[in-house]
C-alpha cells in the first residue's frame, strides 16, 4: 500500500471511515479489476497532495463483501466520500485526476 493510503477492512471500517471527523475518500477496488489499477496511482497522488485535509483509504471488495453490499457497490472502481460518518458523494469508474480534484475541492469547501 502506498504511503498515505490505508487499507481498511470490515473490522476497521467504522473506526477509520465512519468515526473520523475529516473528509474520507474510499477507493473500492479488487485485484482483478483493470480500471482499479489504472486509477490507483491517481488515488495515491491525491493522498499526498491533500495530506492533512483528506484521509484516503482502500477497501478490497472481494475481501470485504459486507461493506461493498452495504453501500450497494455495483461497479468498481468506486470512489466514495464520507464526512462525519455520512456518505456525501460517489464517483463510479476510472475518472481523470482533474475531475477528482474538483470534487475534493468542492467537498473541502
PDB file of N, CA and C in Angstrom:
ATOM      1  N   UNK A   1       0.844  -1.182   0.000  1.00  0.00           N
ATOM      2  CA  UNK A   1       0.000   0.000   0.000  1.00  0.00           C
ATOM      3  C   UNK A   1       0.893   1.251   0.000  1.00  0.00           C
ATOM      4  N   UNK A   2       0.526   2.220  -0.800  1.00  0.00           N
ATOM      5  CA  UNK A   2       1.327   3.435  -0.938  1.00  0.00           C
ATOM      6  C   UNK A   2       1.279   4.277   0.332  1.00  0.00           C
ATOM      7  N   UNK A   3       2.301   5.064   0.485  1.00  0.00           N
ATOM      8  CA  UNK A   3       2.364   5.981   1.622  1.00  0.00           C
ATOM      9  C   UNK A   3       1.160   6.917   1.597  1.00  0.00           C
ATOM     10  N   UNK A   4       0.498   7.057   2.744  1.00  0.00           N
ATOM     11  CA  UNK A   4      -0.653   7.953   2.826  1.00  0.00           C
ATOM     12  C   UNK A   4      -1.984   7.284   2.522  1.00  0.00           C
ATOM     13  N   UNK A   5      -1.943   6.055   2.011  1.00  0.00           N
ATOM     14  CA  UNK A   5      -3.173   5.325   1.704  1.00  0.00           C
ATOM     15  C   UNK A   5      -3.254   4.123   2.639  1.00  0.00           C
ATOM     16  N   UNK A   6      -4.368   4.007   3.350  1.00  0.00           N
ATOM     17  CA  UNK A   6      -4.543   2.935   4.329  1.00  0.00           C
ATOM     18  C   UNK A   6      -5.532   1.903   3.784  1.00  0.00           C
ATOM     19  N   UNK A   7      -5.215   0.638   3.978  1.00  0.00           N
ATOM     20  CA  UNK A   7      -6.152  -0.443   3.625  1.00  0.00           C
ATOM     21  C   UNK A   7      -7.131  -0.608   4.786  1.00  0.00           C
ATOM     22  N   UNK A   8      -8.425  -0.568   4.496  1.00  0.00           N
ATOM     23  CA  UNK A   8      -9.425  -0.808   5.538  1.00  0.00           C
ATOM     24  C   UNK A   8     -10.149  -2.115   5.255  1.00  0.00           C
ATOM     25  N   UNK A   9     -10.696  -2.705   6.310  1.00  0.00           N
ATOM     26  CA  UNK A   9     -11.428  -3.962   6.219  1.00  0.00           C
ATOM     27  C   UNK A   9     -12.752  -3.796   6.956  1.00  0.00           C
ATOM     28  N   UNK A  10     -13.548  -4.835   6.934  1.00  0.00           N
ATOM     29  CA  UNK A  10     -14.824  -4.803   7.658  1.00  0.00           C
ATOM     30  C   UNK A  10     -14.608  -4.487   9.136  1.00  0.00           C
ATOM     31  N   UNK A  11     -13.525  -5.009   9.698  1.00  0.00           N
ATOM     32  CA  UNK A  11     -13.287  -4.817  11.136  1.00  0.00           C
ATOM     33  C   UNK A  11     -12.760  -3.422  11.478  1.00  0.00           C
ATOM     34  N   UNK A  12     -12.165  -2.722  10.512  1.00  0.00           N
ATOM     35  CA  UNK A  12     -11.640  -1.379  10.796  1.00  0.00           C
ATOM     36  C   UNK A  12     -12.493  -0.268  10.174  1.00  0.00           C
ATOM     37  N   UNK A  13     -13.518  -0.628   9.419  1.00  0.00           N
ATOM     38  CA  UNK A  13     -14.346   0.333   8.673  1.00  0.00           C
ATOM     39  C   UNK A  13     -14.908   1.441   9.560  1.00  0.00           C
ATOM     40  N   UNK A  14     -15.624   1.065  10.619  1.00  0.00           N
ATOM     41  CA  UNK A  14     -16.279   2.078  11.451  1.00  0.00           C
ATOM     42  C   UNK A  14     -15.271   3.061  12.029  1.00  0.00           C
ATOM     43  N   UNK A  15     -14.180   2.544  12.580  1.00  0.00           N
ATOM     44  CA  UNK A  15     -13.174   3.398  13.226  1.00  0.00           C
ATOM     45  C   UNK A  15     -12.488   4.319  12.219  1.00  0.00           C
ATOM     46  N   UNK A  16     -12.091   3.768  11.077  1.00  0.00           N
ATOM     47  CA  UNK A  16     -11.276   4.533  10.127  1.00  0.00           C
ATOM     48  C   UNK A  16     -12.077   5.407   9.166  1.00  0.00           C
ATOM     49  N   UNK A  17     -13.347   5.066   8.932  1.00  0.00           N
ATOM     50  CA  UNK A  17     -14.140   5.823   7.954  1.00  0.00           C
ATOM     51  C   UNK A  17     -15.296   6.580   8.613  1.00  0.00           C
ATOM     52  N   UNK A  18     -16.090   5.888   9.412  1.00  0.00           N
ATOM     53  CA  UNK A  18     -17.316   6.500   9.938  1.00  0.00           C
ATOM     54  C   UNK A  18     -17.101   7.340  11.191  1.00  0.00           C
ATOM     55  N   UNK A  19     -16.079   7.025  11.976  1.00  0.00           N
ATOM     56  CA  UNK A  19     -15.890   7.724  13.254  1.00  0.00           C
ATOM     57  C   UNK A  19     -14.781   8.764  13.214  1.00  0.00           C
ATOM     58  N   UNK A  20     -14.445   9.222  12.031  1.00  0.00           N
ATOM     59  CA  UNK A  20     -13.431  10.266  11.910  1.00  0.00           C
ATOM     60  C   UNK A  20     -14.127  11.551  11.471  1.00  0.00           C
ATOM     61  N   UNK A  21     -13.639  12.677  11.929  1.00  0.00           N
ATOM     62  CA  UNK A  21     -14.278  13.947  11.613  1.00  0.00           C
ATOM     63  C   UNK A  21     -13.849  14.525  10.282  1.00  0.00           C
ATOM     64  N   UNK A  22     -12.798  13.949   9.687  1.00  0.00           N
ATOM     65  CA  UNK A  22     -12.273  14.532   8.441  1.00  0.00           C
ATOM     66  C   UNK A  22     -12.969  13.942   7.217  1.00  0.00           C
ATOM     67  N   UNK A  23     -12.750  14.576   6.079  1.00  0.00           N
ATOM     68  CA  UNK A  23     -13.258  14.063   4.813  1.00  0.00           C
ATOM     69  C   UNK A  23     -12.464  12.802   4.476  1.00  0.00           C
ATOM     70  N   UNK A  24     -13.168  11.721   4.127  1.00  0.00           N
ATOM     71  CA  UNK A  24     -12.539  10.447   3.804  1.00  0.00           C
ATOM     72  C   UNK A  24     -12.931  10.040   2.388  1.00  0.00           C
ATOM     73  N   UNK A  25     -11.924   9.693   1.576  1.00  0.00           N
ATOM     74  CA  UNK A  25     -12.175   9.141   0.245  1.00  0.00           C
ATOM     75  C   UNK A  25     -11.865   7.650   0.308  1.00  0.00           C
ATOM     76  N   UNK A  26     -12.864   6.827  -0.029  1.00  0.00           N
ATOM     77  CA  UNK A  26     -12.700   5.379  -0.019  1.00  0.00           C
ATOM     78  C   UNK A  26     -12.641   4.888  -1.461  1.00  0.00           C
ATOM     79  N   UNK A  27     -11.571   4.172  -1.786  1.00  0.00           N
ATOM     80  CA  UNK A  27     -11.398   3.555  -3.096  1.00  0.00           C
ATOM     81  C   UNK A  27     -11.830   2.095  -2.975  1.00  0.00           C
ATOM     82  N   UNK A  28     -13.020   1.773  -3.508  1.00  0.00           N
ATOM     83  CA  UNK A  28     -13.498   0.392  -3.538  1.00  0.00           C
ATOM     84  C   UNK A  28     -12.878  -0.262  -4.770  1.00  0.00           C
ATOM     85  N   UNK A  29     -12.130  -1.345  -4.588  1.00  0.00           N
ATOM     86  CA  UNK A  29     -11.365  -1.939  -5.677  1.00  0.00           C
ATOM     87  C   UNK A  29     -11.285  -3.458  -5.506  1.00  0.00           C
ATOM     88  N   UNK A  30     -10.687  -4.120  -6.507  1.00  0.00           N
ATOM     89  CA  UNK A  30     -10.392  -5.548  -6.434  1.00  0.00           C
ATOM     90  C   UNK A  30      -9.124  -5.817  -7.250  1.00  0.00           C
ATOM     91  N   UNK A  31      -8.420  -6.864  -6.880  1.00  0.00           N
ATOM     92  CA  UNK A  31      -7.145  -7.205  -7.512  1.00  0.00           C
ATOM     93  C   UNK A  31      -7.292  -7.421  -9.019  1.00  0.00           C
ATOM     94  N   UNK A  32      -8.375  -8.051  -9.448  1.00  0.00           N
ATOM     95  CA  UNK A  32      -8.579  -8.427 -10.849  1.00  0.00           C
ATOM     96  C   UNK A  32      -9.079  -7.282 -11.731  1.00  0.00           C
ATOM     97  N   UNK A  33      -9.357  -6.130 -11.136  1.00  0.00           N
ATOM     98  CA  UNK A  33     -10.005  -5.014 -11.837  1.00  0.00           C
ATOM     99  C   UNK A  33      -8.980  -4.105 -12.526  1.00  0.00           C
ATOM    100  N   UNK A  34      -8.971  -4.139 -13.858  1.00  0.00           N
ATOM    101  CA  UNK A  34      -8.048  -3.313 -14.635  1.00  0.00           C
ATOM    102  C   UNK A  34      -8.213  -1.813 -14.399  1.00  0.00           C
ATOM    103  N   UNK A  35      -9.447  -1.281 -14.508  1.00  0.00           N
ATOM    104  CA  UNK A  35      -9.637   0.151 -14.251  1.00  0.00           C
ATOM    105  C   UNK A  35      -9.219   0.557 -12.830  1.00  0.00           C
ATOM    106  N   UNK A  36      -9.352  -0.360 -11.864  1.00  0.00           N
ATOM    107  CA  UNK A  36      -8.902  -0.075 -10.490  1.00  0.00           C
ATOM    108  C   UNK A  36      -7.399   0.168 -10.469  1.00  0.00           C
ATOM    109  N   UNK A  37      -6.675  -0.650 -11.215  1.00  0.00           N
ATOM    110  CA  UNK A  37      -5.218  -0.483 -11.283  1.00  0.00           C
ATOM    111  C   UNK A  37      -4.848   0.812 -11.997  1.00  0.00           C
ATOM    112  N   UNK A  38      -5.687   1.219 -12.961  1.00  0.00           N
ATOM    113  CA  UNK A  38      -5.433   2.468 -13.678  1.00  0.00           C
ATOM    114  C   UNK A  38      -5.601   3.689 -12.766  1.00  0.00           C
ATOM    115  N   UNK A  39      -6.591   3.660 -11.896  1.00  0.00           N
ATOM    116  CA  UNK A  39      -6.894   4.812 -11.045  1.00  0.00           C
ATOM    117  C   UNK A  39      -6.018   4.843  -9.781  1.00  0.00           C
ATOM    118  N   UNK A  40      -5.415   3.720  -9.409  1.00  0.00           N
ATOM    119  CA  UNK A  40      -4.627   3.635  -8.170  1.00  0.00           C
ATOM    120  C   UNK A  40      -3.522   4.689  -8.056  1.00  0.00           C
ATOM    121  N   UNK A  41      -2.709   4.911  -9.111  1.00  0.00           N
ATOM    122  CA  UNK A  41      -1.664   5.944  -8.982  1.00  0.00           C
ATOM    123  C   UNK A  41      -2.235   7.339  -8.728  1.00  0.00           C
ATOM    124  N   UNK A  42      -3.383   7.643  -9.318  1.00  0.00           N
ATOM    125  CA  UNK A  42      -4.042   8.938  -9.103  1.00  0.00           C
ATOM    126  C   UNK A  42      -4.501   9.050  -7.657  1.00  0.00           C
ATOM    127  N   UNK A  43      -5.087   7.979  -7.129  1.00  0.00           N
ATOM    128  CA  UNK A  43      -5.543   7.964  -5.737  1.00  0.00           C
ATOM    129  C   UNK A  43      -4.341   8.209  -4.804  1.00  0.00           C
ATOM    130  N   UNK A  44      -3.218   7.571  -5.111  1.00  0.00           N
ATOM    131  CA  UNK A  44      -2.015   7.742  -4.292  1.00  0.00           C
ATOM    132  C   UNK A  44      -1.487   9.179  -4.369  1.00  0.00           C
ATOM    133  N   UNK A  45      -1.489   9.761  -5.577  1.00  0.00           N
ATOM    134  CA  UNK A  45      -1.050  11.157  -5.728  1.00  0.00           C
ATOM    135  C   UNK A  45      -1.938  12.095  -4.914  1.00  0.00           C
ATOM    136  N   UNK A  46      -3.245  11.876  -4.990  1.00  0.00           N
ATOM    137  CA  UNK A  46      -4.179  12.734  -4.262  1.00  0.00           C
ATOM    138  C   UNK A  46      -3.984  12.613  -2.752  1.00  0.00           C
ATOM    139  N   UNK A  47      -3.661  11.414  -2.279  1.00  0.00           N
ATOM    140  CA  UNK A  47      -3.440  11.241  -0.834  1.00  0.00           C
ATOM    141  C   UNK A  47      -2.248  12.072  -0.371  1.00  0.00           C
ATOM    142  N   UNK A  48      -1.247  12.187  -1.228  1.00  0.00           N
ATOM    143  CA  UNK A  48      -0.084  13.015  -0.876  1.00  0.00           C
ATOM    144  C   UNK A  48      -0.407  14.507  -1.000  1.00  0.00           C
ATOM    145  N   UNK A  49      -1.080  14.878  -2.082  1.00  0.00           N
ATOM    146  CA  UNK A  49      -1.372  16.293  -2.341  1.00  0.00           C
ATOM    147  C   UNK A  49      -2.333  16.886  -1.303  1.00  0.00           C
ATOM    148  N   UNK A  50      -3.250  16.073  -0.797  1.00  0.00           N
ATOM    149  CA  UNK A  50      -4.240  16.559   0.164  1.00  0.00           C
ATOM    150  C   UNK A  50      -3.953  16.061   1.581  1.00  0.00           C
ATOM    151  N   UNK A  51      -2.705  15.690   1.840  1.00  0.00           N
ATOM    152  CA  UNK A  51      -2.327  15.200   3.177  1.00  0.00           C
ATOM    153  C   UNK A  51      -2.716  16.231   4.234  1.00  0.00           C
ATOM    154  N   UNK A  52      -3.343  15.758   5.314  1.00  0.00           N
ATOM    155  CA  UNK A  52      -3.779  16.652   6.383  1.00  0.00           C
ATOM    156  C   UNK A  52      -5.168  17.228   6.168  1.00  0.00           C
ATOM    157  N   UNK A  53      -5.706  17.105   4.930  1.00  0.00           N
ATOM    158  CA  UNK A  53      -7.040  17.623   4.632  1.00  0.00           C
ATOM    159  C   UNK A  53      -8.005  16.517   4.229  1.00  0.00           C
ATOM    160  N   UNK A  54      -7.451  15.430   3.686  1.00  0.00           N
ATOM    161  CA  UNK A  54      -8.252  14.330   3.162  1.00  0.00           C
ATOM    162  C   UNK A  54      -7.621  13.016   3.587  1.00  0.00           C
ATOM    163  N   UNK A  55      -8.430  12.133   4.155  1.00  0.00           N
ATOM    164  CA  UNK A  55      -7.968  10.795   4.509  1.00  0.00           C
ATOM    165  C   UNK A  55      -8.324   9.874   3.348  1.00  0.00           C
ATOM    166  N   UNK A  56      -7.352   9.102   2.865  1.00  0.00           N
ATOM    167  CA  UNK A  56      -7.572   8.225   1.724  1.00  0.00           C
ATOM    168  C   UNK A  56      -7.395   6.773   2.160  1.00  0.00           C
ATOM    169  N   UNK A  57      -8.426   5.957   1.910  1.00  0.00           N
ATOM    170  CA  UNK A  57      -8.376   4.542   2.263  1.00  0.00           C
ATOM    171  C   UNK A  57      -8.837   3.698   1.079  1.00  0.00           C
ATOM    172  N   UNK A  58      -8.400   2.436   1.070  1.00  0.00           N
ATOM    173  CA  UNK A  58      -8.812   1.490   0.030  1.00  0.00           C
ATOM    174  C   UNK A  58      -9.503   0.306   0.693  1.00  0.00           C
ATOM    175  N   UNK A  59     -10.574  -0.184   0.051  1.00  0.00           N
ATOM    176  CA  UNK A  59     -11.280  -1.360   0.551  1.00  0.00           C
ATOM    177  C   UNK A  59     -11.403  -2.373  -0.590  1.00  0.00           C
ATOM    178  N   UNK A  60     -10.836  -3.558  -0.375  1.00  0.00           N
ATOM    179  CA  UNK A  60     -10.921  -4.635  -1.357  1.00  0.00           C
ATOM    180  C   UNK A  60     -12.320  -5.249  -1.264  1.00  0.00           C
ATOM    181  N   UNK A  61     -13.094  -5.115  -2.335  1.00  0.00           N
ATOM    182  CA  UNK A  61     -14.489  -5.570  -2.312  1.00  0.00           C
ATOM    183  C   UNK A  61     -14.612  -7.091  -2.257  1.00  0.00           C
ATOM    184  N   UNK A  62     -13.623  -7.802  -2.780  1.00  0.00           N
ATOM    185  CA  UNK A  62     -13.655  -9.264  -2.718  1.00  0.00           C
ATOM    186  C   UNK A  62     -13.433  -9.757  -1.295  1.00  0.00           C
ATOM    187  N   UNK A  63     -12.563  -9.079  -0.564  1.00  0.00           N
ATOM    188  CA  UNK A  63     -12.234  -9.493   0.807  1.00  0.00           C
ATOM    189  C   UNK A  63     -13.238  -8.976   1.841  1.00  0.00           C
ATOM    190  N   UNK A  64     -14.016  -7.961   1.466  1.00  0.00           N
ATOM    191  CA  UNK A  64     -14.962  -7.325   2.398  1.00  0.00           C
ATOM    192  C   UNK A  64     -16.325  -7.132   1.739  1.00  0.00           C
ATOM    193  N   UNK A  65     -16.982  -8.235   1.317  1.00  0.00           N
ATOM    194  CA  UNK A  65     -18.238  -8.101   0.576  1.00  0.00           C
ATOM    195  C   UNK A  65     -19.376  -7.481   1.389  1.00  0.00           C
ATOM    196  N   UNK A  66     -19.310  -7.578   2.709  1.00  0.00           N
ATOM    197  CA  UNK A  66     -20.367  -6.992   3.537  1.00  0.00           C
ATOM    198  C   UNK A  66     -20.404  -5.476   3.412  1.00  0.00           C
ATOM    199  N   UNK A  67     -19.237  -4.842   3.388  1.00  0.00           N
ATOM    200  CA  UNK A  67     -19.178  -3.379   3.248  1.00  0.00           C
ATOM    201  C   UNK A  67     -19.602  -2.983   1.832  1.00  0.00           C
ATOM    202  N   UNK A  68     -19.103  -3.704   0.829  1.00  0.00           N
ATOM    203  CA  UNK A  68     -19.476  -3.414  -0.560  1.00  0.00           C
ATOM    204  C   UNK A  68     -20.985  -3.533  -0.743  1.00  0.00           C
ATOM    205  N   UNK A  69     -21.585  -4.527  -0.115  1.00  0.00           N
ATOM    206  CA  UNK A  69     -23.029  -4.732  -0.205  1.00  0.00           C
ATOM    207  C   UNK A  69     -23.791  -3.627   0.528  1.00  0.00           C
ATOM    208  N   UNK A  70     -23.296  -3.234   1.705  1.00  0.00           N
ATOM    209  CA  UNK A  70     -23.960  -2.196   2.497  1.00  0.00           C
ATOM    210  C   UNK A  70     -24.086  -0.893   1.714  1.00  0.00           C
ATOM    211  N   UNK A  71     -23.058  -0.582   0.904  1.00  0.00           N
ATOM    212  CA  UNK A  71     -23.067   0.671   0.144  1.00  0.00           C
ATOM    213  C   UNK A  71     -23.463   0.464  -1.316  1.00  0.00           C
ATOM    214  N   UNK A  72     -24.003  -0.728  -1.612  1.00  0.00           N
ATOM    215  CA  UNK A  72     -24.542  -1.033  -2.942  1.00  0.00           C
ATOM    216  C   UNK A  72     -23.533  -0.758  -4.062  1.00  0.00           C
ATOM    217  N   UNK A  73     -22.312  -1.246  -3.871  1.00  0.00           N
ATOM    218  CA  UNK A  73     -21.268  -1.090  -4.883  1.00  0.00           C
ATOM    219  C   UNK A  73     -21.590  -2.045  -6.033  1.00  0.00           C
ATOM    220  N   UNK A  74     -21.913  -1.495  -7.189  1.00  0.00           N
ATOM    221  CA  UNK A  74     -22.275  -2.305  -8.354  1.00  0.00           C
ATOM    222  C   UNK A  74     -21.155  -2.383  -9.378  1.00  0.00           C
ATOM    223  N   UNK A  75     -20.268  -1.402  -9.363  1.00  0.00           N
ATOM    224  CA  UNK A  75     -19.154  -1.371 -10.302  1.00  0.00           C
ATOM    225  C   UNK A  75     -17.931  -0.811  -9.604  1.00  0.00           C
ATOM    226  N   UNK A  76     -16.779  -1.309 -10.002  1.00  0.00           N
ATOM    227  CA  UNK A  76     -15.539  -0.785  -9.433  1.00  0.00           C
ATOM    228  C   UNK A  76     -14.612  -0.366 -10.570  1.00  0.00           C
ATOM    229  N   UNK A  77     -13.748   0.607 -10.353  1.00  0.00           N
ATOM    230  CA  UNK A  77     -13.581   1.304  -9.081  1.00  0.00           C
ATOM    231  C   UNK A  77     -14.750   2.245  -8.772  1.00  0.00           C
ATOM    232  N   UNK A  78     -15.081   2.328  -7.501  1.00  0.00           N
ATOM    233  CA  UNK A  78     -15.999   3.343  -6.995  1.00  0.00           C
ATOM    234  C   UNK A  78     -15.238   4.134  -5.947  1.00  0.00           C
ATOM    235  N   UNK A  79     -15.241   5.441  -6.088  1.00  0.00           N
ATOM    236  CA  UNK A  79     -14.632   6.327  -5.096  1.00  0.00           C
ATOM    237  C   UNK A  79     -15.787   6.986  -4.349  1.00  0.00           C
ATOM    238  N   UNK A  80     -15.833   6.734  -3.051  1.00  0.00           N
ATOM    239  CA  UNK A  80     -16.928   7.243  -2.228  1.00  0.00           C
ATOM    240  C   UNK A  80     -16.353   8.192  -1.184  1.00  0.00           C
ATOM    241  N   UNK A  81     -17.050   9.282  -0.953  1.00  0.00           N
ATOM    242  CA  UNK A  81     -16.595  10.282   0.009  1.00  0.00           C
ATOM    243  C   UNK A  81     -17.505  10.295   1.223  1.00  0.00           C
ATOM    244  N   UNK A  82     -16.889  10.321   2.403  1.00  0.00           N
ATOM    245  CA  UNK A  82     -17.619  10.344   3.669  1.00  0.00           C
ATOM    246  C   UNK A  82     -17.178  11.541   4.483  1.00  0.00           C
ATOM    247  N   UNK A  83     -18.131  12.154   5.173  1.00  0.00           N
ATOM    248  CA  UNK A  83     -17.827  13.235   6.107  1.00  0.00           C
ATOM    249  C   UNK A  83     -18.717  13.047   7.322  1.00  0.00           C
ATOM    250  N   UNK A  84     -18.105  13.062   8.500  1.00  0.00           N
ATOM    251  CA  UNK A  84     -18.837  12.881   9.760  1.00  0.00           C
ATOM    252  C   UNK A  84     -19.701  11.616   9.748  1.00  0.00           C
ATOM    253  N   UNK A  85     -19.164  10.538   9.165  1.00  0.00           N
ATOM    254  CA  UNK A  85     -19.843   9.257   9.176  1.00  0.00           C
ATOM    255  C   UNK A  85     -20.921   9.072   8.125  1.00  0.00           C
ATOM    256  N   UNK A  86     -21.125  10.079   7.289  1.00  0.00           N
ATOM    257  CA  UNK A  86     -22.169  10.019   6.264  1.00  0.00           C
ATOM    258  C   UNK A  86     -21.554  10.034   4.874  1.00  0.00           C
ATOM    259  N   UNK A  87     -22.128   9.237   3.973  1.00  0.00           N
ATOM    260  CA  UNK A  87     -21.702   9.281   2.572  1.00  0.00           C
ATOM    261  C   UNK A  87     -22.191  10.595   1.970  1.00  0.00           C
ATOM    262  N   UNK A  88     -21.284  11.356   1.370  1.00  0.00           N
ATOM    263  CA  UNK A  88     -21.667  12.643   0.798  1.00  0.00           C
ATOM    264  C   UNK A  88     -21.562  12.682  -0.726  1.00  0.00           C
ATOM    265  N   UNK A  89     -20.824  11.744  -1.309  1.00  0.00           N
ATOM    266  CA  UNK A  89     -20.639  11.772  -2.768  1.00  0.00           C
ATOM    267  C   UNK A  89     -20.028  10.464  -3.219  1.00  0.00           C
ATOM    268  N   UNK A  90     -20.221  10.121  -4.494  1.00  0.00           N
ATOM    269  CA  UNK A  90     -19.516   8.967  -5.040  1.00  0.00           C
ATOM    270  C   UNK A  90     -19.292   9.151  -6.528  1.00  0.00           C
ATOM    271  N   UNK A  91     -18.200   8.550  -6.996  1.00  0.00           N
ATOM    272  CA  UNK A  91     -17.840   8.568  -8.409  1.00  0.00           C
ATOM    273  C   UNK A  91     -17.563   7.125  -8.800  1.00  0.00           C
ATOM    274  N   UNK A  92     -18.212   6.652  -9.863  1.00  0.00           N
ATOM    275  CA  UNK A  92     -18.007   5.278 -10.319  1.00  0.00           C
ATOM    276  C   UNK A  92     -17.204   5.303 -11.611  1.00  0.00           C
ATOM    277  N   UNK A  93     -16.168   4.457 -11.659  1.00  0.00           N
ATOM    278  CA  UNK A  93     -15.340   4.353 -12.850  1.00  0.00           C
ATOM    279  C   UNK A  93     -14.034   5.102 -12.687  1.00  0.00           C
ATOM    280  N   UNK A  94     -13.133   4.812 -13.607  1.00  0.00           N
ATOM    281  CA  UNK A  94     -11.823   5.475 -13.605  1.00  0.00           C
ATOM    282  C   UNK A  94     -11.995   6.841 -14.264  1.00  0.00           C
ATOM    283  N   UNK A  95     -11.873   7.889 -13.471  1.00  0.00           N
ATOM    284  CA  UNK A  95     -12.058   9.246 -13.984  1.00  0.00           C
ATOM    285  C   UNK A  95     -10.729   9.998 -13.934  1.00  0.00           C
ATOM    286  N   UNK A  96     -10.577  11.030 -14.747  1.00  0.00           N
ATOM    287  CA  UNK A  96      -9.320  11.780 -14.767  1.00  0.00           C
ATOM    288  C   UNK A  96      -9.069  12.532 -13.464  1.00  0.00           C
ATOM    289  N   UNK A  97      -7.803  12.722 -13.163  1.00  0.00           N
ATOM    290  CA  UNK A  97      -7.391  13.384 -11.924  1.00  0.00           C
ATOM    291  C   UNK A  97      -8.045  14.759 -11.736  1.00  0.00           C
ATOM    292  N   UNK A  98      -8.095  15.620 -12.774  1.00  0.00           N
ATOM    293  CA  UNK A  98      -8.726  16.943 -12.572  1.00  0.00           C
ATOM    294  C   UNK A  98     -10.172  16.849 -12.090  1.00  0.00           C
ATOM    295  N   UNK A  99     -10.896  15.831 -12.541  1.00  0.00           N
ATOM    296  CA  UNK A  99     -12.291  15.649 -12.107  1.00  0.00           C
ATOM    297  C   UNK A  99     -12.336  15.284 -10.621  1.00  0.00           C
ATOM    298  N   UNK A 100     -11.412  14.435 -10.190  1.00  0.00           N
ATOM    299  CA  UNK A 100     -11.348  14.072  -8.754  1.00  0.00           C
ATOM    300  C   UNK A 100     -10.928  15.273  -7.916  1.00  0.00           C
ATOM    301  N   UNK A 101      -9.950  16.035  -8.396  1.00  0.00           N
ATOM    302  CA  UNK A 101      -9.505  17.220  -7.663  1.00  0.00           C
ATOM    303  C   UNK A 101     -10.647  18.224  -7.492  1.00  0.00           C
ATOM    304  N   UNK A 102     -11.422  18.427  -8.551  1.00  0.00           N
ATOM    305  CA  UNK A 102     -12.543  19.365  -8.475  1.00  0.00           C
ATOM    306  C   UNK A 102     -13.560  18.908  -7.441  1.00  0.00           C
ATOM    307  N   UNK A 103     -13.837  17.599  -7.425  1.00  0.00           N
ATOM    308  CA  UNK A 103     -14.803  17.055  -6.449  1.00  0.00           C
ATOM    309  C   UNK A 103     -14.278  17.232  -5.028  1.00  0.00           C
ATOM    310  N   UNK A 104     -13.007  16.915  -4.799  1.00  0.00           N
ATOM    311  CA  UNK A 104     -12.410  17.047  -3.470  1.00  0.00           C
ATOM    312  C   UNK A 104     -12.430  18.504  -3.031  1.00  0.00           C
ATOM    313  N   UNK A 105     -12.034  19.408  -3.930  1.00  0.00           N
ATOM    314  CA  UNK A 105     -12.018  20.838  -3.582  1.00  0.00           C
ATOM    315  C   UNK A 105     -13.413  21.320  -3.195  1.00  0.00           C
ATOM    316  N   UNK A 106     -14.433  20.868  -3.920  1.00  0.00           N
ATOM    317  CA  UNK A 106     -15.816  21.228  -3.608  1.00  0.00           C
ATOM    318  C   UNK A 106     -16.212  20.720  -2.223  1.00  0.00           C
ATOM    319  N   UNK A 107     -15.873  19.452  -1.951  1.00  0.00           N
ATOM    320  CA  UNK A 107     -16.255  18.850  -0.678  1.00  0.00           C
ATOM    321  C   UNK A 107     -15.503  19.467   0.503  1.00  0.00           C
ATOM    322  N   UNK A 108     -14.273  19.892   0.251  1.00  0.00           N
ATOM    323  CA  UNK A 108     -13.499  20.554   1.320  1.00  0.00           C
ATOM    324  C   UNK A 108     -14.019  21.969   1.572  1.00  0.00           C
ATOM    325  N   UNK A 109     -14.671  22.512   0.549  1.00  0.00           N
ATOM    326  CA  UNK A 109     -15.334  23.811   0.664  1.00  0.00           C
ATOM    327  C   UNK A 109     -14.375  24.941   0.898  1.00  0.00           C
TER     328      UNK A 109
END
